[in-house]
Every structure is written in structure tokens, then in C-alpha cells.
PDB file of N, CA and C in Angstrom:
ATOM      1  N   UNK A   1     -65.805 -23.665  43.334  1.00  0.00           N
ATOM      2  CA  UNK A   1     -65.288 -24.069  44.717  1.00  0.00           C
ATOM      3  C   UNK A   1     -64.730 -25.514  44.629  1.00  0.00           C
ATOM      4  N   UNK A   2     -65.266 -26.322  43.781  1.00  0.00           N
ATOM      5  CA  UNK A   2     -64.722 -27.846  43.829  1.00  0.00           C
ATOM      6  C   UNK A   2     -63.314 -27.804  43.210  1.00  0.00           C
ATOM      7  N   UNK A   3     -63.095 -27.061  42.143  1.00  0.00           N
ATOM      8  CA  UNK A   3     -61.684 -26.965  41.571  1.00  0.00           C
ATOM      9  C   UNK A   3     -60.538 -26.508  42.524  1.00  0.00           C
ATOM     10  N   UNK A   4     -61.056 -25.522  43.361  1.00  0.00           N
ATOM     11  CA  UNK A   4     -60.192 -24.838  44.335  1.00  0.00           C
ATOM     12  C   UNK A   4     -59.861 -25.832  45.303  1.00  0.00           C
ATOM     13  N   UNK A   5     -60.709 -26.656  45.786  1.00  0.00           N
ATOM     14  CA  UNK A   5     -60.381 -27.705  46.897  1.00  0.00           C
ATOM     15  C   UNK A   5     -59.415 -28.742  46.375  1.00  0.00           C
ATOM     16  N   UNK A   6     -59.607 -29.174  45.134  1.00  0.00           N
ATOM     17  CA  UNK A   6     -58.750 -30.093  44.436  1.00  0.00           C
ATOM     18  C   UNK A   6     -57.320 -29.590  44.424  1.00  0.00           C
ATOM     19  N   UNK A   7     -57.072 -28.387  44.102  1.00  0.00           N
ATOM     20  CA  UNK A   7     -55.749 -27.878  44.015  1.00  0.00           C
ATOM     21  C   UNK A   7     -55.099 -27.726  45.411  1.00  0.00           C
ATOM     22  N   UNK A   8     -55.968 -27.470  46.381  1.00  0.00           N
ATOM     23  CA  UNK A   8     -55.478 -27.181  47.703  1.00  0.00           C
ATOM     24  C   UNK A   8     -55.067 -28.509  48.448  1.00  0.00           C
ATOM     25  N   UNK A   9     -55.777 -29.609  48.212  1.00  0.00           N
ATOM     26  CA  UNK A   9     -55.558 -30.850  49.031  1.00  0.00           C
ATOM     27  C   UNK A   9     -54.098 -31.368  48.768  1.00  0.00           C
ATOM     28  N   UNK A  10     -53.681 -31.444  47.573  1.00  0.00           N
ATOM     29  CA  UNK A  10     -52.397 -32.125  47.241  1.00  0.00           C
ATOM     30  C   UNK A  10     -51.219 -31.343  48.038  1.00  0.00           C
ATOM     31  N   UNK A  11     -51.457 -29.934  48.142  1.00  0.00           N
ATOM     32  CA  UNK A  11     -50.388 -29.182  48.994  1.00  0.00           C
ATOM     33  C   UNK A  11     -50.334 -29.682  50.440  1.00  0.00           C
ATOM     34  N   UNK A  12     -51.550 -29.896  50.901  1.00  0.00           N
ATOM     35  CA  UNK A  12     -51.604 -30.289  52.385  1.00  0.00           C
ATOM     36  C   UNK A  12     -51.060 -31.814  52.404  1.00  0.00           C
ATOM     37  N   UNK A  13     -51.337 -32.581  51.551  1.00  0.00           N
ATOM     38  CA  UNK A  13     -50.779 -34.017  51.567  1.00  0.00           C
ATOM     39  C   UNK A  13     -49.233 -33.895  51.514  1.00  0.00           C
ATOM     40  N   UNK A  14     -48.696 -33.146  50.610  1.00  0.00           N
ATOM     41  CA  UNK A  14     -47.208 -32.917  50.556  1.00  0.00           C
ATOM     42  C   UNK A  14     -46.706 -32.419  51.850  1.00  0.00           C
ATOM     43  N   UNK A  15     -47.403 -31.473  52.515  1.00  0.00           N
ATOM     44  CA  UNK A  15     -46.910 -30.898  53.717  1.00  0.00           C
ATOM     45  C   UNK A  15     -46.968 -31.954  54.837  1.00  0.00           C
ATOM     46  N   UNK A  16     -47.958 -32.708  54.814  1.00  0.00           N
ATOM     47  CA  UNK A  16     -48.044 -33.766  55.799  1.00  0.00           C
ATOM     48  C   UNK A  16     -46.956 -34.765  55.765  1.00  0.00           C
ATOM     49  N   UNK A  17     -46.708 -35.206  54.450  1.00  0.00           N
ATOM     50  CA  UNK A  17     -45.632 -36.185  54.142  1.00  0.00           C
ATOM     51  C   UNK A  17     -44.279 -35.646  54.615  1.00  0.00           C
ATOM     52  N   UNK A  18     -44.042 -34.352  54.239  1.00  0.00           N
ATOM     53  CA  UNK A  18     -42.778 -33.686  54.627  1.00  0.00           C
ATOM     54  C   UNK A  18     -42.654 -33.629  56.173  1.00  0.00           C
ATOM     55  N   UNK A  19     -43.713 -33.268  56.837  1.00  0.00           N
ATOM     56  CA  UNK A  19     -43.684 -33.273  58.251  1.00  0.00           C
ATOM     57  C   UNK A  19     -43.414 -34.720  58.907  1.00  0.00           C
ATOM     58  N   UNK A  20     -44.025 -35.656  58.283  1.00  0.00           N
ATOM     59  CA  UNK A  20     -43.717 -37.028  58.789  1.00  0.00           C
ATOM     60  C   UNK A  20     -42.335 -37.478  58.526  1.00  0.00           C
ATOM     61  N   UNK A  21     -41.742 -37.140  57.412  1.00  0.00           N
ATOM     62  CA  UNK A  21     -40.354 -37.392  57.186  1.00  0.00           C
ATOM     63  C   UNK A  21     -39.472 -36.644  58.139  1.00  0.00           C
ATOM     64  N   UNK A  22     -39.842 -35.390  58.557  1.00  0.00           N
ATOM     65  CA  UNK A  22     -39.095 -34.618  59.468  1.00  0.00           C
ATOM     66  C   UNK A  22     -39.076 -35.324  60.907  1.00  0.00           C
ATOM     67  N   UNK A  23     -40.229 -35.787  61.302  1.00  0.00           N
ATOM     68  CA  UNK A  23     -40.420 -36.449  62.567  1.00  0.00           C
ATOM     69  C   UNK A  23     -39.574 -37.759  62.592  1.00  0.00           C
ATOM     70  N   UNK A  24     -39.568 -38.445  61.448  1.00  0.00           N
ATOM     71  CA  UNK A  24     -38.748 -39.751  61.322  1.00  0.00           C
ATOM     72  C   UNK A  24     -37.329 -39.342  61.515  1.00  0.00           C
ATOM     73  N   UNK A  25     -36.835 -38.289  60.901  1.00  0.00           N
ATOM     74  CA  UNK A  25     -35.428 -37.918  60.989  1.00  0.00           C
ATOM     75  C   UNK A  25     -35.178 -37.455  62.393  1.00  0.00           C
ATOM     76  N   UNK A  26     -36.019 -36.733  63.041  1.00  0.00           N
ATOM     77  CA  UNK A  26     -35.756 -36.355  64.511  1.00  0.00           C
ATOM     78  C   UNK A  26     -35.673 -37.572  65.388  1.00  0.00           C
ATOM     79  N   UNK A  27     -36.466 -38.524  65.194  1.00  0.00           N
ATOM     80  CA  UNK A  27     -36.449 -39.809  65.935  1.00  0.00           C
ATOM     81  C   UNK A  27     -35.139 -40.489  65.653  1.00  0.00           C
ATOM     82  N   UNK A  28     -34.757 -40.640  64.300  1.00  0.00           N
ATOM     83  CA  UNK A  28     -33.500 -41.196  63.996  1.00  0.00           C
ATOM     84  C   UNK A  28     -32.280 -40.503  64.628  1.00  0.00           C
ATOM     85  N   UNK A  29     -32.364 -39.146  64.677  1.00  0.00           N
ATOM     86  CA  UNK A  29     -31.266 -38.344  65.225  1.00  0.00           C
ATOM     87  C   UNK A  29     -31.219 -38.696  66.784  1.00  0.00           C
ATOM     88  N   UNK A  30     -32.307 -38.731  67.466  1.00  0.00           N
ATOM     89  CA  UNK A  30     -32.313 -39.003  68.868  1.00  0.00           C
ATOM     90  C   UNK A  30     -31.813 -40.438  69.109  1.00  0.00           C
ATOM     91  N   UNK A  31     -32.157 -41.328  68.385  1.00  0.00           N
ATOM     92  CA  UNK A  31     -31.631 -42.787  68.506  1.00  0.00           C
ATOM     93  C   UNK A  31     -30.131 -42.708  68.225  1.00  0.00           C
ATOM     94  N   UNK A  32     -29.651 -41.958  67.256  1.00  0.00           N
ATOM     95  CA  UNK A  32     -28.274 -41.837  66.946  1.00  0.00           C
ATOM     96  C   UNK A  32     -27.452 -41.334  68.024  1.00  0.00           C
ATOM     97  N   UNK A  33     -27.905 -40.256  68.570  1.00  0.00           N
ATOM     98  CA  UNK A  33     -27.256 -39.557  69.783  1.00  0.00           C
ATOM     99  C   UNK A  33     -27.189 -40.596  70.938  1.00  0.00           C
ATOM    100  N   UNK A  34     -28.227 -41.277  71.185  1.00  0.00           N
ATOM    101  CA  UNK A  34     -28.146 -42.278  72.424  1.00  0.00           C
ATOM    102  C   UNK A  34     -27.346 -43.377  72.110  1.00  0.00           C
ATOM    103  N   UNK A  35     -27.259 -43.901  70.843  1.00  0.00           N
ATOM    104  CA  UNK A  35     -26.453 -44.968  70.545  1.00  0.00           C
ATOM    105  C   UNK A  35     -24.904 -44.660  70.454  1.00  0.00           C
ATOM    106  N   UNK A  36     -24.633 -43.488  69.825  1.00  0.00           N
ATOM    107  CA  UNK A  36     -23.188 -43.124  69.557  1.00  0.00           C
ATOM    108  C   UNK A  36     -22.561 -42.071  70.383  1.00  0.00           C
ATOM    109  N   UNK A  37     -23.234 -41.302  71.151  1.00  0.00           N
ATOM    110  CA  UNK A  37     -22.761 -40.158  71.827  1.00  0.00           C
ATOM    111  C   UNK A  37     -21.474 -40.532  72.711  1.00  0.00           C
ATOM    112  N   UNK A  38     -21.507 -41.529  73.503  1.00  0.00           N
ATOM    113  CA  UNK A  38     -20.411 -41.913  74.403  1.00  0.00           C
ATOM    114  C   UNK A  38     -19.152 -42.374  73.339  1.00  0.00           C
ATOM    115  N   UNK A  39     -19.372 -43.127  72.415  1.00  0.00           N
ATOM    116  CA  UNK A  39     -18.419 -43.539  71.553  1.00  0.00           C
ATOM    117  C   UNK A  39     -17.758 -42.261  70.843  1.00  0.00           C
ATOM    118  N   UNK A  40     -18.500 -41.292  70.443  1.00  0.00           N
ATOM    119  CA  UNK A  40     -17.998 -40.116  69.818  1.00  0.00           C
ATOM    120  C   UNK A  40     -17.103 -39.367  70.650  1.00  0.00           C
ATOM    121  N   UNK A  41     -17.735 -39.078  71.957  1.00  0.00           N
ATOM    122  CA  UNK A  41     -16.882 -38.280  72.920  1.00  0.00           C
ATOM    123  C   UNK A  41     -15.658 -39.081  73.267  1.00  0.00           C
ATOM    124  N   UNK A  42     -15.684 -40.285  73.473  1.00  0.00           N
ATOM    125  CA  UNK A  42     -14.499 -41.000  73.797  1.00  0.00           C
ATOM    126  C   UNK A  42     -13.500 -40.945  72.681  1.00  0.00           C
ATOM    127  N   UNK A  43     -13.964 -41.060  71.379  1.00  0.00           N
ATOM    128  CA  UNK A  43     -13.086 -40.889  70.284  1.00  0.00           C
ATOM    129  C   UNK A  43     -12.408 -39.579  70.310  1.00  0.00           C
ATOM    130  N   UNK A  44     -13.164 -38.575  70.372  1.00  0.00           N
ATOM    131  CA  UNK A  44     -12.698 -37.104  70.470  1.00  0.00           C
ATOM    132  C   UNK A  44     -11.595 -36.992  71.620  1.00  0.00           C
ATOM    133  N   UNK A  45     -11.995 -37.473  72.762  1.00  0.00           N
ATOM    134  CA  UNK A  45     -11.040 -37.252  73.861  1.00  0.00           C
ATOM    135  C   UNK A  45      -9.864 -38.062  73.712  1.00  0.00           C
ATOM    136  N   UNK A  46      -9.806 -39.252  73.052  1.00  0.00           N
ATOM    137  CA  UNK A  46      -8.654 -40.054  72.863  1.00  0.00           C
ATOM    138  C   UNK A  46      -7.736 -39.314  71.882  1.00  0.00           C
ATOM    139  N   UNK A  47      -8.219 -38.662  71.020  1.00  0.00           N
ATOM    140  CA  UNK A  47      -7.450 -37.980  70.059  1.00  0.00           C
ATOM    141  C   UNK A  47      -6.818 -36.667  70.604  1.00  0.00           C
ATOM    142  N   UNK A  48      -7.605 -35.911  71.443  1.00  0.00           N
ATOM    143  CA  UNK A  48      -7.215 -34.588  71.751  1.00  0.00           C
ATOM    144  C   UNK A  48      -6.636 -34.403  73.281  1.00  0.00           C
ATOM    145  N   UNK A  49      -7.089 -35.322  74.064  1.00  0.00           N
ATOM    146  CA  UNK A  49      -6.606 -35.394  75.556  1.00  0.00           C
ATOM    147  C   UNK A  49      -7.075 -34.010  76.208  1.00  0.00           C
ATOM    148  N   UNK A  50      -8.156 -33.328  75.745  1.00  0.00           N
ATOM    149  CA  UNK A  50      -8.504 -32.147  76.305  1.00  0.00           C
ATOM    150  C   UNK A  50     -10.137 -32.090  76.246  1.00  0.00           C
ATOM    151  N   UNK A  51     -10.661 -31.929  77.424  1.00  0.00           N
ATOM    152  CA  UNK A  51     -12.207 -31.994  77.460  1.00  0.00           C
ATOM    153  C   UNK A  51     -12.899 -30.830  76.629  1.00  0.00           C
ATOM    154  N   UNK A  52     -12.358 -29.737  76.754  1.00  0.00           N
ATOM    155  CA  UNK A  52     -13.043 -28.655  76.062  1.00  0.00           C
ATOM    156  C   UNK A  52     -12.929 -28.864  74.463  1.00  0.00           C
ATOM    157  N   UNK A  53     -11.760 -29.172  74.057  1.00  0.00           N
ATOM    158  CA  UNK A  53     -11.596 -29.465  72.509  1.00  0.00           C
ATOM    159  C   UNK A  53     -12.239 -30.688  72.184  1.00  0.00           C
ATOM    160  N   UNK A  54     -12.432 -31.715  72.975  1.00  0.00           N
ATOM    161  CA  UNK A  54     -13.074 -32.854  72.743  1.00  0.00           C
ATOM    162  C   UNK A  54     -14.588 -32.661  72.552  1.00  0.00           C
ATOM    163  N   UNK A  55     -15.198 -31.757  73.398  1.00  0.00           N
ATOM    164  CA  UNK A  55     -16.570 -31.355  73.300  1.00  0.00           C
ATOM    165  C   UNK A  55     -16.842 -30.848  72.030  1.00  0.00           C
ATOM    166  N   UNK A  56     -15.917 -29.805  71.633  1.00  0.00           N
ATOM    167  CA  UNK A  56     -16.097 -29.029  70.332  1.00  0.00           C
ATOM    168  C   UNK A  56     -16.003 -30.089  69.150  1.00  0.00           C
ATOM    169  N   UNK A  57     -14.961 -30.983  69.157  1.00  0.00           N
ATOM    170  CA  UNK A  57     -14.901 -31.906  68.082  1.00  0.00           C
ATOM    171  C   UNK A  57     -16.162 -32.856  68.107  1.00  0.00           C
ATOM    172  N   UNK A  58     -16.701 -33.247  69.213  1.00  0.00           N
ATOM    173  CA  UNK A  58     -17.894 -34.055  69.240  1.00  0.00           C
ATOM    174  C   UNK A  58     -18.999 -33.473  68.609  1.00  0.00           C
ATOM    175  N   UNK A  59     -19.231 -32.139  68.879  1.00  0.00           N
ATOM    176  CA  UNK A  59     -20.228 -31.370  68.326  1.00  0.00           C
ATOM    177  C   UNK A  59     -20.155 -31.329  66.792  1.00  0.00           C
ATOM    178  N   UNK A  60     -18.957 -31.186  66.257  1.00  0.00           N
ATOM    179  CA  UNK A  60     -18.695 -31.122  64.861  1.00  0.00           C
ATOM    180  C   UNK A  60     -18.928 -32.430  64.233  1.00  0.00           C
ATOM    181  N   UNK A  61     -18.589 -33.561  64.931  1.00  0.00           N
ATOM    182  CA  UNK A  61     -18.792 -34.920  64.389  1.00  0.00           C
ATOM    183  C   UNK A  61     -20.261 -35.209  64.244  1.00  0.00           C
ATOM    184  N   UNK A  62     -21.058 -34.856  65.293  1.00  0.00           N
ATOM    185  CA  UNK A  62     -22.530 -35.054  65.355  1.00  0.00           C
ATOM    186  C   UNK A  62     -23.203 -34.261  64.221  1.00  0.00           C
ATOM    187  N   UNK A  63     -22.742 -32.984  63.964  1.00  0.00           N
ATOM    188  CA  UNK A  63     -23.306 -32.260  62.943  1.00  0.00           C
ATOM    189  C   UNK A  63     -22.979 -32.733  61.589  1.00  0.00           C
ATOM    190  N   UNK A  64     -21.744 -33.307  61.417  1.00  0.00           N
ATOM    191  CA  UNK A  64     -21.402 -33.895  60.102  1.00  0.00           C
ATOM    192  C   UNK A  64     -22.134 -35.119  59.908  1.00  0.00           C
ATOM    193  N   UNK A  65     -22.380 -35.931  61.003  1.00  0.00           N
ATOM    194  CA  UNK A  65     -22.990 -37.143  60.982  1.00  0.00           C
ATOM    195  C   UNK A  65     -24.424 -36.992  60.475  1.00  0.00           C
ATOM    196  N   UNK A  66     -25.121 -35.975  61.089  1.00  0.00           N
ATOM    197  CA  UNK A  66     -26.508 -35.779  60.793  1.00  0.00           C
ATOM    198  C   UNK A  66     -26.706 -35.196  59.383  1.00  0.00           C
ATOM    199  N   UNK A  67     -25.704 -34.346  59.001  1.00  0.00           N
ATOM    200  CA  UNK A  67     -25.763 -33.926  57.570  1.00  0.00           C
ATOM    201  C   UNK A  67     -25.568 -35.039  56.562  1.00  0.00           C
ATOM    202  N   UNK A  68     -24.686 -35.901  56.891  1.00  0.00           N
ATOM    203  CA  UNK A  68     -24.407 -37.136  56.020  1.00  0.00           C
ATOM    204  C   UNK A  68     -25.606 -37.977  56.015  1.00  0.00           C
ATOM    205  N   UNK A  69     -26.211 -38.261  57.105  1.00  0.00           N
ATOM    206  CA  UNK A  69     -27.343 -39.121  57.095  1.00  0.00           C
ATOM    207  C   UNK A  69     -28.506 -38.511  56.491  1.00  0.00           C
ATOM    208  N   UNK A  70     -28.713 -37.242  56.417  1.00  0.00           N
ATOM    209  CA  UNK A  70     -29.848 -36.601  55.703  1.00  0.00           C
ATOM    210  C   UNK A  70     -29.640 -36.776  54.220  1.00  0.00           C
ATOM    211  N   UNK A  71     -28.394 -36.775  53.777  1.00  0.00           N
ATOM    212  CA  UNK A  71     -28.160 -36.883  52.266  1.00  0.00           C
ATOM    213  C   UNK A  71     -28.119 -38.364  51.806  1.00  0.00           C
ATOM    214  N   UNK A  72     -27.878 -39.248  52.689  1.00  0.00           N
ATOM    215  CA  UNK A  72     -27.720 -40.591  52.205  1.00  0.00           C
ATOM    216  C   UNK A  72     -29.169 -41.391  52.386  1.00  0.00           C
ATOM    217  N   UNK A  73     -29.388 -42.240  51.328  1.00  0.00           N
ATOM    218  CA  UNK A  73     -30.590 -43.037  51.302  1.00  0.00           C
ATOM    219  C   UNK A  73     -30.438 -44.204  52.239  1.00  0.00           C
ATOM    220  N   UNK A  74     -29.418 -44.952  52.014  1.00  0.00           N
ATOM    221  CA  UNK A  74     -29.274 -46.243  52.880  1.00  0.00           C
ATOM    222  C   UNK A  74     -27.861 -46.466  53.158  1.00  0.00           C
ATOM    223  N   UNK A  75     -27.474 -46.692  54.434  1.00  0.00           N
ATOM    224  CA  UNK A  75     -26.278 -46.994  54.817  1.00  0.00           C
ATOM    225  C   UNK A  75     -26.092 -48.423  55.410  1.00  0.00           C
ATOM    226  N   UNK A  76     -25.371 -49.202  54.840  1.00  0.00           N
ATOM    227  CA  UNK A  76     -25.453 -50.708  55.156  1.00  0.00           C
ATOM    228  C   UNK A  76     -24.602 -50.919  56.482  1.00  0.00           C
ATOM    229  N   UNK A  77     -23.538 -50.206  56.699  1.00  0.00           N
ATOM    230  CA  UNK A  77     -22.695 -50.421  57.939  1.00  0.00           C
ATOM    231  C   UNK A  77     -22.602 -49.091  58.691  1.00  0.00           C
ATOM    232  N   UNK A  78     -23.579 -48.831  59.553  1.00  0.00           N
ATOM    233  CA  UNK A  78     -23.664 -47.632  60.355  1.00  0.00           C
ATOM    234  C   UNK A  78     -22.443 -47.359  61.214  1.00  0.00           C
ATOM    235  N   UNK A  79     -22.063 -48.371  61.860  1.00  0.00           N
ATOM    236  CA  UNK A  79     -20.874 -48.254  62.724  1.00  0.00           C
ATOM    237  C   UNK A  79     -19.519 -47.807  61.949  1.00  0.00           C
ATOM    238  N   UNK A  80     -19.380 -48.394  60.772  1.00  0.00           N
ATOM    239  CA  UNK A  80     -18.378 -48.099  59.908  1.00  0.00           C
ATOM    240  C   UNK A  80     -18.468 -46.562  59.465  1.00  0.00           C
ATOM    241  N   UNK A  81     -19.663 -46.180  59.154  1.00  0.00           N
ATOM    242  CA  UNK A  81     -20.066 -44.941  58.634  1.00  0.00           C
ATOM    243  C   UNK A  81     -19.714 -43.846  59.717  1.00  0.00           C
ATOM    244  N   UNK A  82     -20.074 -44.162  60.984  1.00  0.00           N
ATOM    245  CA  UNK A  82     -19.810 -43.148  61.994  1.00  0.00           C
ATOM    246  C   UNK A  82     -18.370 -43.066  62.274  1.00  0.00           C
ATOM    247  N   UNK A  83     -17.683 -44.170  62.239  1.00  0.00           N
ATOM    248  CA  UNK A  83     -16.230 -44.154  62.410  1.00  0.00           C
ATOM    249  C   UNK A  83     -15.602 -43.329  61.242  1.00  0.00           C
ATOM    250  N   UNK A  84     -15.930 -43.440  60.010  1.00  0.00           N
ATOM    251  CA  UNK A  84     -15.409 -42.755  58.873  1.00  0.00           C
ATOM    252  C   UNK A  84     -15.645 -41.322  59.083  1.00  0.00           C
ATOM    253  N   UNK A  85     -16.852 -40.854  59.524  1.00  0.00           N
ATOM    254  CA  UNK A  85     -17.253 -39.419  59.788  1.00  0.00           C
ATOM    255  C   UNK A  85     -16.354 -38.907  60.896  1.00  0.00           C
ATOM    256  N   UNK A  86     -16.280 -39.706  61.979  1.00  0.00           N
ATOM    257  CA  UNK A  86     -15.257 -39.306  63.114  1.00  0.00           C
ATOM    258  C   UNK A  86     -13.870 -38.971  62.607  1.00  0.00           C
ATOM    259  N   UNK A  87     -13.253 -39.892  61.879  1.00  0.00           N
ATOM    260  CA  UNK A  87     -11.988 -39.673  61.384  1.00  0.00           C
ATOM    261  C   UNK A  87     -11.790 -38.460  60.352  1.00  0.00           C
ATOM    262  N   UNK A  88     -12.854 -38.304  59.518  1.00  0.00           N
ATOM    263  CA  UNK A  88     -12.741 -37.203  58.535  1.00  0.00           C
ATOM    264  C   UNK A  88     -12.883 -35.895  59.298  1.00  0.00           C
ATOM    265  N   UNK A  89     -13.894 -35.907  60.352  1.00  0.00           N
ATOM    266  CA  UNK A  89     -14.059 -34.617  61.024  1.00  0.00           C
ATOM    267  C   UNK A  89     -12.935 -34.250  61.843  1.00  0.00           C
ATOM    268  N   UNK A  90     -12.233 -35.288  62.423  1.00  0.00           N
ATOM    269  CA  UNK A  90     -11.074 -35.061  63.205  1.00  0.00           C
ATOM    270  C   UNK A  90      -9.887 -34.487  62.442  1.00  0.00           C
ATOM    271  N   UNK A  91      -9.723 -34.971  61.159  1.00  0.00           N
ATOM    272  CA  UNK A  91      -8.620 -34.426  60.372  1.00  0.00           C
ATOM    273  C   UNK A  91      -8.989 -33.054  59.924  1.00  0.00           C
ATOM    274  N   UNK A  92     -10.259 -32.720  59.650  1.00  0.00           N
ATOM    275  CA  UNK A  92     -10.663 -31.420  59.250  1.00  0.00           C
ATOM    276  C   UNK A  92     -10.490 -30.463  60.491  1.00  0.00           C
ATOM    277  N   UNK A  93     -10.793 -30.905  61.614  1.00  0.00           N
ATOM    278  CA  UNK A  93     -10.589 -30.282  62.902  1.00  0.00           C
ATOM    279  C   UNK A  93      -9.078 -29.871  63.084  1.00  0.00           C
ATOM    280  N   UNK A  94      -8.334 -30.852  62.861  1.00  0.00           N
ATOM    281  CA  UNK A  94      -6.829 -30.639  62.954  1.00  0.00           C
ATOM    282  C   UNK A  94      -6.370 -29.533  62.001  1.00  0.00           C
ATOM    283  N   UNK A  95      -6.763 -29.637  60.812  1.00  0.00           N
ATOM    284  CA  UNK A  95      -6.308 -28.593  59.883  1.00  0.00           C
ATOM    285  C   UNK A  95      -6.906 -27.163  60.175  1.00  0.00           C
ATOM    286  N   UNK A  96      -8.068 -27.145  60.638  1.00  0.00           N
ATOM    287  CA  UNK A  96      -8.733 -25.849  61.095  1.00  0.00           C
ATOM    288  C   UNK A  96      -7.941 -25.189  62.243  1.00  0.00           C
ATOM    289  N   UNK A  97      -7.520 -26.034  63.266  1.00  0.00           N
ATOM    290  CA  UNK A  97      -6.898 -25.588  64.533  1.00  0.00           C
ATOM    291  C   UNK A  97      -5.432 -25.728  64.467  1.00  0.00           C
ATOM    292  N   UNK A  98      -4.862 -25.909  63.426  1.00  0.00           N
ATOM    293  CA  UNK A  98      -3.382 -26.274  63.317  1.00  0.00           C
ATOM    294  C   UNK A  98      -2.493 -25.141  64.038  1.00  0.00           C
ATOM    295  N   UNK A  99      -2.885 -23.942  63.913  1.00  0.00           N
ATOM    296  CA  UNK A  99      -2.059 -22.867  64.454  1.00  0.00           C
ATOM    297  C   UNK A  99      -2.072 -22.763  66.061  1.00  0.00           C
ATOM    298  N   UNK A 100      -3.014 -23.511  66.568  1.00  0.00           N
ATOM    299  CA  UNK A 100      -3.272 -23.435  68.104  1.00  0.00           C
ATOM    300  C   UNK A 100      -2.697 -24.657  68.767  1.00  0.00           C
ATOM    301  N   UNK A 101      -2.112 -25.647  68.087  1.00  0.00           N
ATOM    302  CA  UNK A 101      -1.700 -26.798  68.677  1.00  0.00           C
ATOM    303  C   UNK A 101      -0.437 -26.661  69.501  1.00  0.00           C
ATOM    304  N   UNK A 102       0.312 -25.641  69.378  1.00  0.00           N
ATOM    305  CA  UNK A 102       1.473 -25.512  70.335  1.00  0.00           C
ATOM    306  C   UNK A 102       0.984 -25.060  71.698  1.00  0.00           C
ATOM    307  N   UNK A 103      -0.253 -24.721  71.888  1.00  0.00           N
ATOM    308  CA  UNK A 103      -0.840 -24.279  73.157  1.00  0.00           C
ATOM    309  C   UNK A 103      -1.277 -25.518  73.967  1.00  0.00           C
ATOM    310  N   UNK A 104      -1.398 -26.724  73.353  1.00  0.00           N
ATOM    311  CA  UNK A 104      -1.895 -27.888  74.028  1.00  0.00           C
ATOM    312  C   UNK A 104      -0.935 -28.468  75.119  1.00  0.00           C
ATOM    313  N   UNK A 105       0.343 -28.318  74.856  1.00  0.00           N
ATOM    314  CA  UNK A 105       1.260 -28.924  75.847  1.00  0.00           C
ATOM    315  C   UNK A 105       1.338 -28.318  77.188  1.00  0.00           C
TER     316      UNK A 105
END
């Protein structure tokens, strides 16, 4: 019985550590949304001049941002990083929707 408990405890510790990391990521994501949401939506609307498309682009930017933050260990200039993600996602959005641009006028 003693050996069985020894093998079982490390799994729980790893599970708890993973859960704590997830909670920290969720808190970071909520802080990120509160801090950058207006800027991201403003960026998207300034580029597209269409509310619906700007909302779509904003969602794609946030998803790309969260994905990037999850993969990065440390980002020294968060504002610059967010702006880079915005520009990259915007260009990707343009390529993806290229055939629909004649309908915007």
C-alpha cells in the first residue's frame, strides 16, 4: 500500500501544478482582454471601416495573441508584440478574404 501511494502522489502534484498554470493563463488572458480590447477593435475598424468585419478580425487577433502568448516564455515589449500580432493577423485576414473585397464599396 505504501508504494502505491508514492506513485500516486506525484501525479496529483503534477495535476495541481498544471491546474495552477491554467488559472494563471486565464487570469493573464482576462487582463489582456481588458487592457487591449479597445485598441484591437479600433485597429481592426481603422483598417476595414466595417463593423462586422472588424469584429471578425478582432476575434482572430485575440486568438492569435493568446496562442502566441501561450507559446512564448517572456515578452519584453507587450505593446509592440500586440501590434505585431495585429498587423500579421490583418495581412492574413486580407489574403483570406481577398476575393470578397470588391463587395466592400
